[in-house]
N, C-alpha and C. Protein backbone atom coordinates (compact mmCIF):
# COMPACT_ATOMS: atom_id res chain seq x y z
N MET A 1 -40.44 -44.30 -14.48
CA MET A 1 -40.48 -42.86 -14.21
C MET A 1 -40.13 -42.59 -12.75
N LYS A 2 -40.67 -43.44 -11.86
CA LYS A 2 -40.38 -43.29 -10.43
C LYS A 2 -38.91 -43.48 -10.15
N LEU A 3 -38.27 -44.43 -10.85
CA LEU A 3 -36.84 -44.68 -10.68
C LEU A 3 -36.03 -43.49 -11.13
N ASN A 4 -36.44 -42.87 -12.23
CA ASN A 4 -35.73 -41.69 -12.74
C ASN A 4 -35.82 -40.54 -11.76
N ASN A 5 -36.98 -40.37 -11.11
CA ASN A 5 -37.15 -39.29 -10.13
C ASN A 5 -36.25 -39.52 -8.93
N GLN A 6 -36.16 -40.75 -8.47
CA GLN A 6 -35.30 -41.07 -7.33
C GLN A 6 -33.82 -40.84 -7.69
N PHE A 7 -33.47 -41.20 -8.93
CA PHE A 7 -32.09 -40.99 -9.38
C PHE A 7 -31.76 -39.48 -9.43
N ALA A 8 -32.72 -38.70 -9.96
CA ALA A 8 -32.51 -37.25 -10.03
C ALA A 8 -32.37 -36.64 -8.64
N LYS A 9 -33.22 -37.10 -7.71
CA LYS A 9 -33.12 -36.60 -6.33
C LYS A 9 -31.78 -36.96 -5.72
N GLY A 10 -31.28 -38.18 -5.99
CA GLY A 10 -30.00 -38.60 -5.48
C GLY A 10 -28.87 -37.74 -6.01
N ILE A 11 -28.93 -37.40 -7.32
CA ILE A 11 -27.90 -36.55 -7.92
C ILE A 11 -27.93 -35.18 -7.28
N LEU A 12 -29.13 -34.61 -7.08
CA LEU A 12 -29.25 -33.29 -6.46
C LEU A 12 -28.68 -33.28 -5.04
N ILE A 13 -28.98 -34.34 -4.29
CA ILE A 13 -28.44 -34.44 -2.92
C ILE A 13 -26.92 -34.47 -2.94
N LEU A 14 -26.33 -35.24 -3.86
CA LEU A 14 -24.88 -35.32 -3.97
C LEU A 14 -24.29 -33.97 -4.33
N ILE A 15 -24.97 -33.26 -5.26
CA ILE A 15 -24.45 -31.94 -5.69
C ILE A 15 -24.48 -30.96 -4.53
N PHE A 16 -25.60 -30.88 -3.83
CA PHE A 16 -25.70 -29.94 -2.70
C PHE A 16 -24.74 -30.30 -1.58
N THR A 17 -24.56 -31.60 -1.35
CA THR A 17 -23.62 -32.06 -0.32
C THR A 17 -22.20 -31.66 -0.69
N PHE A 18 -21.85 -31.86 -1.97
CA PHE A 18 -20.49 -31.52 -2.44
C PHE A 18 -20.21 -30.06 -2.28
N PHE A 19 -21.14 -29.20 -2.74
CA PHE A 19 -20.91 -27.77 -2.67
C PHE A 19 -20.95 -27.28 -1.22
N GLY A 20 -21.73 -27.93 -0.38
CA GLY A 20 -21.73 -27.56 1.03
C GLY A 20 -20.40 -27.82 1.70
N ILE A 21 -19.80 -28.98 1.36
CA ILE A 21 -18.48 -29.32 1.89
C ILE A 21 -17.43 -28.35 1.37
N GLN A 22 -17.51 -28.02 0.07
CA GLN A 22 -16.55 -27.10 -0.51
C GLN A 22 -16.66 -25.72 0.16
N GLN A 23 -17.89 -25.28 0.40
CA GLN A 23 -18.09 -23.97 1.00
C GLN A 23 -17.53 -23.93 2.42
N ALA A 24 -17.73 -25.00 3.16
CA ALA A 24 -17.23 -25.07 4.53
C ALA A 24 -15.70 -25.10 4.54
N ASP A 25 -15.12 -25.81 3.58
CA ASP A 25 -13.67 -25.95 3.52
C ASP A 25 -12.99 -24.65 3.06
N ALA A 26 -13.72 -23.87 2.23
CA ALA A 26 -13.15 -22.66 1.64
C ALA A 26 -13.70 -21.42 2.31
N GLN A 27 -13.82 -21.42 3.61
CA GLN A 27 -14.35 -20.28 4.36
C GLN A 27 -13.39 -19.11 4.20
N VAL A 28 -13.95 -17.98 3.76
CA VAL A 28 -13.15 -16.78 3.52
C VAL A 28 -12.92 -16.05 4.82
N THR A 29 -11.67 -15.69 5.10
CA THR A 29 -11.32 -14.93 6.30
C THR A 29 -10.42 -13.76 5.93
N PHE A 30 -10.45 -12.73 6.78
CA PHE A 30 -9.59 -11.55 6.56
C PHE A 30 -8.86 -11.24 7.84
N ARG A 31 -7.52 -11.05 7.74
CA ARG A 31 -6.72 -10.74 8.90
C ARG A 31 -5.69 -9.67 8.52
N PRO A 32 -5.66 -8.55 9.22
CA PRO A 32 -4.65 -7.53 8.95
C PRO A 32 -3.34 -7.89 9.61
N GLY A 33 -2.26 -7.27 9.16
CA GLY A 33 -0.97 -7.57 9.75
C GLY A 33 0.06 -6.45 9.48
N LEU A 34 1.17 -6.56 10.19
CA LEU A 34 2.31 -5.64 10.05
C LEU A 34 3.52 -6.41 9.59
N ARG A 35 4.38 -5.74 8.83
CA ARG A 35 5.64 -6.34 8.38
C ARG A 35 6.73 -5.31 8.44
N GLY A 36 7.97 -5.76 8.66
CA GLY A 36 9.09 -4.84 8.71
C GLY A 36 10.39 -5.60 8.73
N GLY A 37 11.47 -4.92 8.33
CA GLY A 37 12.78 -5.58 8.34
C GLY A 37 13.81 -4.77 7.59
N ALA A 38 14.79 -5.45 7.05
CA ALA A 38 15.95 -4.83 6.40
C ALA A 38 15.87 -4.98 4.89
N ASN A 39 16.26 -3.89 4.21
CA ASN A 39 16.43 -3.91 2.75
C ASN A 39 17.90 -3.91 2.39
N PHE A 40 18.25 -4.71 1.41
CA PHE A 40 19.61 -4.72 0.84
C PHE A 40 19.43 -4.43 -0.65
N SER A 41 19.69 -3.16 -1.03
CA SER A 41 19.32 -2.71 -2.37
C SER A 41 20.52 -2.20 -3.16
N HIS A 42 20.39 -2.24 -4.49
CA HIS A 42 21.40 -1.67 -5.37
C HIS A 42 20.77 -1.36 -6.71
N PHE A 43 21.48 -0.58 -7.54
CA PHE A 43 21.07 -0.32 -8.90
C PHE A 43 21.82 -1.30 -9.83
N THR A 44 21.14 -1.76 -10.86
CA THR A 44 21.78 -2.69 -11.81
C THR A 44 22.86 -1.97 -12.61
N LYS A 45 23.72 -2.77 -13.20
CA LYS A 45 24.84 -2.24 -13.97
C LYS A 45 24.38 -1.49 -15.21
N GLY A 46 23.30 -1.92 -15.83
CA GLY A 46 22.87 -1.29 -17.06
C GLY A 46 23.34 -2.08 -18.27
N SER A 47 23.38 -1.45 -19.40
CA SER A 47 23.69 -2.15 -20.67
C SER A 47 25.11 -2.72 -20.66
N ASP A 48 26.11 -1.83 -20.55
CA ASP A 48 27.50 -2.30 -20.59
C ASP A 48 28.38 -1.70 -19.51
N TYR A 49 27.97 -0.58 -18.96
CA TYR A 49 28.82 0.10 -18.00
C TYR A 49 27.97 0.96 -17.09
N TYR A 50 28.60 1.56 -16.11
CA TYR A 50 27.89 2.37 -15.13
C TYR A 50 27.85 3.83 -15.54
N TYR A 51 26.72 4.45 -15.24
CA TYR A 51 26.58 5.88 -15.41
C TYR A 51 27.18 6.59 -14.21
N ASP A 52 27.99 7.63 -14.44
CA ASP A 52 28.65 8.37 -13.37
C ASP A 52 28.01 9.73 -13.20
N PRO A 53 27.12 9.90 -12.22
CA PRO A 53 26.45 11.20 -12.05
C PRO A 53 27.34 12.29 -11.49
N TYR A 54 28.54 11.94 -11.02
CA TYR A 54 29.44 12.92 -10.40
C TYR A 54 30.58 13.33 -11.32
N ASN A 55 30.54 12.89 -12.57
CA ASN A 55 31.61 13.22 -13.53
C ASN A 55 30.97 13.84 -14.76
N SER A 56 30.99 15.16 -14.87
CA SER A 56 30.32 15.85 -15.95
C SER A 56 31.08 15.72 -17.28
N SER A 57 32.39 15.52 -17.24
CA SER A 57 33.16 15.45 -18.48
C SER A 57 33.10 14.05 -19.10
N ASN A 58 32.96 13.03 -18.26
CA ASN A 58 32.88 11.65 -18.78
C ASN A 58 31.86 10.91 -17.96
N ASN A 59 30.62 10.87 -18.47
CA ASN A 59 29.51 10.36 -17.68
C ASN A 59 29.43 8.85 -17.60
N TYR A 60 30.32 8.15 -18.26
CA TYR A 60 30.30 6.69 -18.23
C TYR A 60 31.68 6.15 -17.89
N SER A 61 31.71 5.15 -17.03
CA SER A 61 33.01 4.67 -16.57
C SER A 61 32.88 3.21 -16.10
N ASN A 62 33.94 2.46 -16.29
CA ASN A 62 34.04 1.11 -15.71
C ASN A 62 34.68 1.14 -14.34
N ASN A 63 35.09 2.31 -13.88
CA ASN A 63 35.81 2.42 -12.60
C ASN A 63 34.89 2.76 -11.42
N ILE A 64 33.58 2.71 -11.63
CA ILE A 64 32.67 2.95 -10.55
C ILE A 64 31.74 1.73 -10.37
N ASP A 65 30.98 1.78 -9.30
CA ASP A 65 30.10 0.64 -9.00
C ASP A 65 28.89 1.17 -8.22
N TYR A 66 27.75 0.54 -8.41
CA TYR A 66 26.57 0.78 -7.59
C TYR A 66 26.45 -0.41 -6.65
N ALA A 67 27.04 -0.28 -5.49
CA ALA A 67 27.12 -1.39 -4.54
C ALA A 67 25.88 -1.45 -3.67
N THR A 68 25.79 -2.51 -2.87
CA THR A 68 24.62 -2.73 -2.01
C THR A 68 24.57 -1.73 -0.87
N LYS A 69 23.38 -1.25 -0.62
CA LYS A 69 23.12 -0.29 0.48
C LYS A 69 22.09 -0.94 1.41
N THR A 70 22.31 -0.85 2.71
CA THR A 70 21.42 -1.46 3.69
C THR A 70 20.48 -0.41 4.28
N ASP A 71 19.18 -0.71 4.31
CA ASP A 71 18.21 0.23 4.85
C ASP A 71 17.04 -0.57 5.44
N PHE A 72 15.83 -0.05 5.44
CA PHE A 72 14.72 -0.69 6.13
C PHE A 72 13.45 -0.61 5.30
N TYR A 73 12.46 -1.42 5.69
CA TYR A 73 11.10 -1.29 5.17
C TYR A 73 10.13 -1.54 6.32
N ILE A 74 8.95 -0.96 6.21
CA ILE A 74 7.88 -1.19 7.18
C ILE A 74 6.55 -1.01 6.46
N GLY A 75 5.54 -1.77 6.86
CA GLY A 75 4.26 -1.64 6.20
C GLY A 75 3.20 -2.46 6.85
N PHE A 76 2.01 -2.46 6.22
CA PHE A 76 0.92 -3.29 6.71
C PHE A 76 0.23 -3.96 5.54
N TYR A 77 -0.52 -5.00 5.84
CA TYR A 77 -1.15 -5.80 4.80
C TYR A 77 -2.50 -6.30 5.28
N GLY A 78 -3.28 -6.78 4.34
CA GLY A 78 -4.53 -7.45 4.65
C GLY A 78 -4.54 -8.81 3.98
N ALA A 79 -4.58 -9.87 4.77
CA ALA A 79 -4.52 -11.22 4.27
C ALA A 79 -5.95 -11.74 4.07
N LEU A 80 -6.37 -11.83 2.80
CA LEU A 80 -7.71 -12.33 2.46
C LEU A 80 -7.58 -13.78 2.05
N LYS A 81 -7.82 -14.66 3.01
CA LYS A 81 -7.68 -16.12 2.78
C LYS A 81 -8.90 -16.64 2.05
N LEU A 82 -8.72 -17.03 0.80
CA LEU A 82 -9.83 -17.47 -0.05
C LEU A 82 -10.00 -18.97 -0.09
N SER A 83 -8.94 -19.70 0.24
CA SER A 83 -9.04 -21.16 0.34
C SER A 83 -7.98 -21.66 1.30
N LYS A 84 -7.93 -22.94 1.49
CA LYS A 84 -6.97 -23.52 2.43
C LYS A 84 -5.55 -23.17 2.06
N TYR A 85 -5.27 -23.08 0.74
CA TYR A 85 -3.89 -22.88 0.29
C TYR A 85 -3.62 -21.52 -0.30
N TYR A 86 -4.64 -20.75 -0.64
CA TYR A 86 -4.45 -19.51 -1.38
C TYR A 86 -4.94 -18.30 -0.58
N THR A 87 -4.07 -17.25 -0.53
CA THR A 87 -4.41 -16.00 0.10
C THR A 87 -4.06 -14.83 -0.84
N LEU A 88 -4.99 -13.93 -0.99
CA LEU A 88 -4.73 -12.68 -1.73
C LEU A 88 -4.33 -11.62 -0.71
N GLN A 89 -3.13 -11.02 -0.90
CA GLN A 89 -2.59 -10.14 0.13
C GLN A 89 -2.16 -8.80 -0.44
N PRO A 90 -3.03 -7.78 -0.41
CA PRO A 90 -2.60 -6.43 -0.76
C PRO A 90 -1.78 -5.82 0.38
N GLU A 91 -0.80 -4.98 -0.01
CA GLU A 91 0.11 -4.39 0.98
C GLU A 91 0.37 -2.92 0.66
N ILE A 92 0.69 -2.14 1.68
CA ILE A 92 1.22 -0.79 1.54
C ILE A 92 2.48 -0.73 2.42
N ASP A 93 3.61 -0.43 1.78
CA ASP A 93 4.91 -0.43 2.48
C ASP A 93 5.64 0.89 2.26
N TYR A 94 6.41 1.29 3.26
CA TYR A 94 7.42 2.33 3.10
C TYR A 94 8.76 1.60 2.94
N SER A 95 9.40 1.77 1.79
CA SER A 95 10.60 1.03 1.46
C SER A 95 11.74 1.97 1.16
N ALA A 96 12.74 1.99 2.07
CA ALA A 96 13.95 2.81 1.88
C ALA A 96 14.96 2.04 1.03
N GLN A 97 15.27 2.55 -0.15
CA GLN A 97 16.11 1.83 -1.11
C GLN A 97 17.25 2.73 -1.58
N GLY A 98 17.85 2.32 -2.69
CA GLY A 98 18.94 3.10 -3.28
C GLY A 98 20.15 2.25 -3.57
N SER A 99 21.31 2.87 -3.58
CA SER A 99 22.54 2.16 -3.87
C SER A 99 23.71 2.95 -3.32
N ASN A 100 24.82 2.27 -3.10
CA ASN A 100 26.05 2.93 -2.66
C ASN A 100 26.94 3.20 -3.86
N TYR A 101 27.10 4.49 -4.21
CA TYR A 101 27.96 4.87 -5.33
C TYR A 101 29.41 4.81 -4.88
N ARG A 102 30.21 4.10 -5.66
CA ARG A 102 31.65 3.96 -5.31
C ARG A 102 32.48 4.24 -6.55
N SER A 103 33.49 5.08 -6.36
CA SER A 103 34.51 5.30 -7.39
C SER A 103 35.86 5.31 -6.72
N SER A 104 36.91 5.57 -7.50
CA SER A 104 38.25 5.58 -6.94
C SER A 104 38.47 6.75 -6.00
N ILE A 105 37.61 7.77 -6.09
CA ILE A 105 37.81 8.97 -5.27
C ILE A 105 36.60 9.30 -4.38
N LYS A 106 35.54 8.53 -4.50
CA LYS A 106 34.33 8.95 -3.77
C LYS A 106 33.46 7.74 -3.45
N SER A 107 32.78 7.80 -2.30
CA SER A 107 31.79 6.81 -1.93
C SER A 107 30.63 7.55 -1.23
N VAL A 108 29.42 7.37 -1.75
CA VAL A 108 28.27 8.08 -1.20
C VAL A 108 27.02 7.25 -1.42
N ASP A 109 26.09 7.31 -0.47
CA ASP A 109 24.83 6.61 -0.62
C ASP A 109 23.87 7.43 -1.46
N LEU A 110 23.28 6.80 -2.46
CA LEU A 110 22.19 7.40 -3.23
C LEU A 110 20.88 6.85 -2.64
N ASP A 111 20.16 7.71 -1.94
CA ASP A 111 18.95 7.31 -1.23
C ASP A 111 17.71 7.62 -2.06
N VAL A 112 16.83 6.63 -2.20
CA VAL A 112 15.53 6.86 -2.80
C VAL A 112 14.52 5.98 -2.08
N ASP A 113 13.52 6.62 -1.45
CA ASP A 113 12.51 5.92 -0.67
C ASP A 113 11.18 5.92 -1.41
N TYR A 114 10.47 4.81 -1.29
CA TYR A 114 9.22 4.65 -2.04
C TYR A 114 8.06 4.33 -1.10
N LEU A 115 6.87 4.77 -1.50
CA LEU A 115 5.63 4.25 -0.95
C LEU A 115 5.14 3.20 -1.92
N SER A 116 5.11 1.96 -1.48
CA SER A 116 4.91 0.82 -2.37
C SER A 116 3.55 0.20 -2.16
N PHE A 117 2.84 -0.01 -3.27
CA PHE A 117 1.54 -0.68 -3.26
C PHE A 117 1.71 -2.01 -3.98
N GLU A 118 1.45 -3.11 -3.26
CA GLU A 118 1.69 -4.44 -3.78
C GLU A 118 0.44 -5.29 -3.65
N VAL A 119 0.26 -6.20 -4.61
CA VAL A 119 -0.82 -7.18 -4.56
C VAL A 119 -0.19 -8.55 -4.76
N LEU A 120 -0.12 -9.34 -3.69
CA LEU A 120 0.59 -10.59 -3.73
C LEU A 120 -0.35 -11.79 -3.70
N ASN A 121 0.07 -12.80 -4.42
CA ASN A 121 -0.60 -14.10 -4.41
C ASN A 121 0.21 -15.03 -3.51
N LYS A 122 -0.40 -15.47 -2.42
CA LYS A 122 0.35 -16.30 -1.44
C LYS A 122 -0.21 -17.73 -1.42
N PHE A 123 0.68 -18.69 -1.58
CA PHE A 123 0.31 -20.09 -1.50
C PHE A 123 0.98 -20.71 -0.29
N THR A 124 0.17 -21.24 0.62
CA THR A 124 0.66 -21.77 1.89
C THR A 124 0.59 -23.32 1.89
N PHE A 125 1.67 -23.93 2.32
CA PHE A 125 1.77 -25.39 2.39
C PHE A 125 2.05 -25.82 3.83
N THR A 126 1.40 -26.87 4.26
CA THR A 126 1.57 -27.46 5.61
C THR A 126 1.32 -26.43 6.73
N ASN A 127 0.57 -25.37 6.40
CA ASN A 127 0.21 -24.31 7.37
C ASN A 127 1.41 -23.51 7.89
N LYS A 128 2.59 -23.74 7.35
CA LYS A 128 3.78 -23.04 7.83
C LYS A 128 4.55 -22.36 6.70
N PHE A 129 4.90 -23.10 5.66
CA PHE A 129 5.73 -22.58 4.59
C PHE A 129 4.85 -21.97 3.50
N ASN A 130 5.27 -20.80 2.98
CA ASN A 130 4.52 -20.18 1.89
C ASN A 130 5.46 -19.58 0.87
N ILE A 131 4.98 -19.49 -0.36
CA ILE A 131 5.63 -18.73 -1.40
C ILE A 131 4.64 -17.67 -1.85
N HIS A 132 5.17 -16.50 -2.26
CA HIS A 132 4.29 -15.42 -2.68
C HIS A 132 4.94 -14.62 -3.79
N PHE A 133 4.11 -14.06 -4.66
CA PHE A 133 4.60 -13.29 -5.77
C PHE A 133 3.50 -12.34 -6.26
N GLY A 134 3.91 -11.29 -6.96
CA GLY A 134 2.93 -10.35 -7.51
C GLY A 134 3.58 -9.04 -7.91
N PRO A 135 2.77 -8.12 -8.46
CA PRO A 135 3.28 -6.84 -8.94
C PRO A 135 3.32 -5.80 -7.83
N ALA A 136 4.11 -4.74 -8.08
CA ALA A 136 4.20 -3.61 -7.16
C ALA A 136 4.26 -2.31 -7.94
N LEU A 137 3.66 -1.29 -7.40
CA LEU A 137 3.74 0.05 -7.96
C LEU A 137 4.29 0.98 -6.89
N ASP A 138 5.45 1.59 -7.15
CA ASP A 138 6.19 2.35 -6.16
C ASP A 138 6.25 3.83 -6.55
N PHE A 139 6.03 4.72 -5.57
CA PHE A 139 6.09 6.15 -5.79
C PHE A 139 7.17 6.74 -4.92
N VAL A 140 8.05 7.58 -5.51
CA VAL A 140 9.12 8.21 -4.76
C VAL A 140 8.57 9.20 -3.77
N VAL A 141 8.98 9.08 -2.51
CA VAL A 141 8.55 10.01 -1.47
C VAL A 141 9.72 10.74 -0.82
N ASN A 142 10.94 10.28 -1.04
CA ASN A 142 12.12 10.95 -0.47
C ASN A 142 13.33 10.52 -1.26
N ARG A 143 14.30 11.44 -1.50
CA ARG A 143 15.52 11.10 -2.24
C ARG A 143 16.57 12.18 -2.01
N ASN A 144 17.83 11.82 -2.18
CA ASN A 144 18.91 12.80 -2.04
C ASN A 144 19.62 13.04 -3.36
N PHE A 145 19.00 12.62 -4.47
CA PHE A 145 19.49 12.91 -5.83
C PHE A 145 18.25 13.00 -6.71
N ASN A 146 18.43 13.32 -7.97
CA ASN A 146 17.30 13.46 -8.87
C ASN A 146 17.14 12.21 -9.71
N PRO A 147 16.23 11.33 -9.34
CA PRO A 147 16.00 10.12 -10.14
C PRO A 147 15.34 10.47 -11.47
N ASP A 148 15.54 9.62 -12.45
CA ASP A 148 14.98 9.87 -13.76
C ASP A 148 13.47 9.65 -13.81
N ALA A 149 12.92 8.93 -12.82
CA ALA A 149 11.49 8.69 -12.77
C ALA A 149 11.04 8.75 -11.31
N ASN A 150 9.86 9.27 -11.09
CA ASN A 150 9.29 9.35 -9.75
C ASN A 150 8.36 8.19 -9.44
N VAL A 151 8.39 7.18 -10.27
CA VAL A 151 7.56 6.00 -10.08
C VAL A 151 8.32 4.78 -10.59
N ASP A 152 8.07 3.65 -10.00
CA ASP A 152 8.69 2.41 -10.45
C ASP A 152 7.64 1.31 -10.44
N MET A 153 7.71 0.44 -11.42
CA MET A 153 6.91 -0.77 -11.44
C MET A 153 7.86 -1.93 -11.18
N ALA A 154 7.40 -2.89 -10.39
CA ALA A 154 8.31 -3.97 -9.99
C ALA A 154 7.53 -5.28 -9.85
N PHE A 155 8.32 -6.35 -9.77
CA PHE A 155 7.77 -7.68 -9.51
C PHE A 155 8.41 -8.23 -8.24
N VAL A 156 7.60 -8.88 -7.42
CA VAL A 156 8.05 -9.39 -6.12
C VAL A 156 7.96 -10.91 -6.11
N LEU A 157 8.99 -11.55 -5.61
CA LEU A 157 8.99 -13.00 -5.39
C LEU A 157 9.58 -13.27 -4.02
N GLY A 158 8.89 -14.09 -3.22
CA GLY A 158 9.38 -14.34 -1.88
C GLY A 158 8.89 -15.65 -1.30
N MET A 159 9.38 -15.93 -0.11
CA MET A 159 8.96 -17.11 0.65
C MET A 159 8.96 -16.77 2.12
N GLY A 160 8.16 -17.51 2.88
CA GLY A 160 8.06 -17.23 4.30
C GLY A 160 7.77 -18.49 5.10
N ILE A 161 7.99 -18.38 6.41
CA ILE A 161 7.70 -19.47 7.35
C ILE A 161 6.91 -18.89 8.51
N ASN A 162 5.76 -19.50 8.83
CA ASN A 162 4.94 -19.08 9.96
C ASN A 162 5.28 -19.98 11.16
N PHE A 163 5.87 -19.39 12.18
CA PHE A 163 6.21 -20.14 13.39
C PHE A 163 4.98 -20.35 14.27
N THR A 164 4.09 -19.39 14.25
CA THR A 164 2.80 -19.47 14.95
C THR A 164 1.74 -18.91 13.99
N PRO A 165 0.45 -19.04 14.33
CA PRO A 165 -0.58 -18.44 13.47
C PRO A 165 -0.43 -16.92 13.33
N ASN A 166 0.34 -16.28 14.22
CA ASN A 166 0.49 -14.82 14.18
C ASN A 166 1.85 -14.37 13.67
N PHE A 167 2.91 -15.06 14.09
CA PHE A 167 4.28 -14.57 13.82
C PHE A 167 4.98 -15.41 12.74
N GLY A 168 5.69 -14.71 11.85
CA GLY A 168 6.46 -15.41 10.83
C GLY A 168 7.63 -14.56 10.34
N ILE A 169 8.48 -15.15 9.52
CA ILE A 169 9.57 -14.46 8.88
C ILE A 169 9.43 -14.64 7.37
N GLU A 170 10.03 -13.73 6.61
CA GLU A 170 9.94 -13.83 5.15
C GLU A 170 11.18 -13.23 4.50
N ALA A 171 11.49 -13.70 3.31
CA ALA A 171 12.57 -13.18 2.50
C ALA A 171 12.02 -12.93 1.11
N ARG A 172 12.41 -11.80 0.52
CA ARG A 172 11.87 -11.41 -0.80
C ARG A 172 12.96 -10.79 -1.67
N VAL A 173 12.69 -10.83 -2.96
CA VAL A 173 13.45 -10.05 -3.92
C VAL A 173 12.47 -9.25 -4.76
N LYS A 174 12.74 -7.97 -4.94
CA LYS A 174 11.91 -7.11 -5.76
C LYS A 174 12.76 -6.50 -6.87
N LYS A 175 12.30 -6.66 -8.09
CA LYS A 175 13.03 -6.16 -9.28
C LYS A 175 12.22 -5.10 -9.99
N GLY A 176 12.77 -3.88 -10.04
CA GLY A 176 12.10 -2.80 -10.76
C GLY A 176 12.34 -2.89 -12.25
N ILE A 177 11.44 -2.29 -13.00
CA ILE A 177 11.60 -2.32 -14.46
C ILE A 177 11.72 -0.93 -15.06
N ILE A 178 11.47 0.13 -14.28
CA ILE A 178 11.65 1.49 -14.78
C ILE A 178 13.00 2.01 -14.28
N PRO A 179 13.86 2.50 -15.17
CA PRO A 179 15.18 2.99 -14.75
C PRO A 179 15.07 4.11 -13.71
N VAL A 180 15.86 3.98 -12.67
CA VAL A 180 15.83 4.98 -11.61
C VAL A 180 16.85 6.06 -11.82
N ILE A 181 17.93 5.74 -12.57
CA ILE A 181 18.98 6.71 -12.86
C ILE A 181 19.54 6.40 -14.26
N ASP A 182 19.81 7.48 -15.01
CA ASP A 182 20.27 7.39 -16.39
C ASP A 182 19.36 6.51 -17.23
N TYR A 183 18.29 7.13 -17.67
CA TYR A 183 17.24 6.40 -18.40
C TYR A 183 17.79 5.65 -19.61
N ASN A 184 18.78 6.23 -20.30
CA ASN A 184 19.28 5.62 -21.53
C ASN A 184 20.03 4.31 -21.28
N ASP A 185 20.58 4.17 -20.08
CA ASP A 185 21.38 2.96 -19.82
C ASP A 185 20.68 1.99 -18.86
N SER A 186 19.52 2.36 -18.40
CA SER A 186 18.63 1.43 -17.68
C SER A 186 19.21 0.87 -16.40
N HIS A 187 19.56 1.75 -15.46
CA HIS A 187 19.95 1.33 -14.12
C HIS A 187 18.66 1.21 -13.30
N THR A 188 18.27 -0.02 -12.95
CA THR A 188 17.00 -0.26 -12.27
C THR A 188 17.22 -0.74 -10.84
N ASN A 189 16.15 -0.71 -10.05
CA ASN A 189 16.21 -1.14 -8.64
C ASN A 189 16.20 -2.65 -8.51
N VAL A 190 17.04 -3.13 -7.60
CA VAL A 190 17.00 -4.51 -7.13
C VAL A 190 17.04 -4.46 -5.61
N VAL A 191 16.08 -5.14 -4.95
CA VAL A 191 15.99 -5.09 -3.50
C VAL A 191 15.82 -6.52 -2.94
N PHE A 192 16.70 -6.92 -2.04
CA PHE A 192 16.54 -8.13 -1.26
C PHE A 192 16.07 -7.73 0.13
N SER A 193 15.00 -8.33 0.61
CA SER A 193 14.42 -7.97 1.91
C SER A 193 14.37 -9.19 2.84
N LEU A 194 14.62 -8.93 4.11
CA LEU A 194 14.52 -9.97 5.12
C LEU A 194 13.88 -9.37 6.36
N GLY A 195 12.79 -9.98 6.85
CA GLY A 195 12.13 -9.41 8.01
C GLY A 195 11.07 -10.30 8.59
N GLY A 196 10.25 -9.70 9.46
CA GLY A 196 9.24 -10.46 10.17
C GLY A 196 7.86 -9.94 9.87
N THR A 197 6.86 -10.77 10.18
CA THR A 197 5.46 -10.40 10.00
C THR A 197 4.67 -10.75 11.29
N TYR A 198 3.66 -9.95 11.53
CA TYR A 198 2.74 -10.24 12.62
C TYR A 198 1.33 -10.06 12.12
N THR A 199 0.53 -11.13 12.16
CA THR A 199 -0.85 -11.10 11.69
C THR A 199 -1.79 -11.12 12.88
N PHE A 200 -2.74 -10.18 12.89
CA PHE A 200 -3.66 -10.04 14.01
C PHE A 200 -4.87 -10.99 13.87
N ASP A 201 -5.42 -11.35 14.99
CA ASP A 201 -6.66 -12.12 15.02
C ASP A 201 -7.84 -11.17 15.17
N LEU A 202 -8.86 -11.37 14.36
CA LEU A 202 -10.07 -10.58 14.45
C LEU A 202 -11.16 -11.46 15.05
N LYS A 203 -11.32 -11.38 16.35
CA LYS A 203 -12.31 -12.19 17.05
C LYS A 203 -13.09 -11.33 18.02
């Protein structure tokens, strides 16, 4: 009986020691940050052809294109580091997007800007390289045409490199799933982003 009690005490000591080490290793921290950079956005082709918003007699044509348009994004985030490798990162961004409409007789930027709410899952390796992904919900706040929807749902996939504990760069692609123009033919948002991040120390 005495041997069993000693064994039980030993097991309890090992359990408490293990969880103590785990707790120390997985110390939760929160750090706010800023991000900003360039957007390279366009509308997808759709089912088979492009919708022509400037041609009332023939609204569909193979002679037009929704080409890439360059703009900007800026925002802030909160990095909730839950373990050595995993960070939950909610973000609020202002994202200027759209596409460049091109035809044989006309070229014009179709501007649509969003206030974007994102929740990203970030996995960091070797304290420098990270990959991140997650959903986004975007609300139209400015436009120079009438989009078919004032909200977009999207998925974000990206990667980044931290040069210092504070400063890093990142590249992302965001794909919308709600058509932004001509709902029947499903022209959706595609955005490639490249920019920098700065994470503050809270001490």
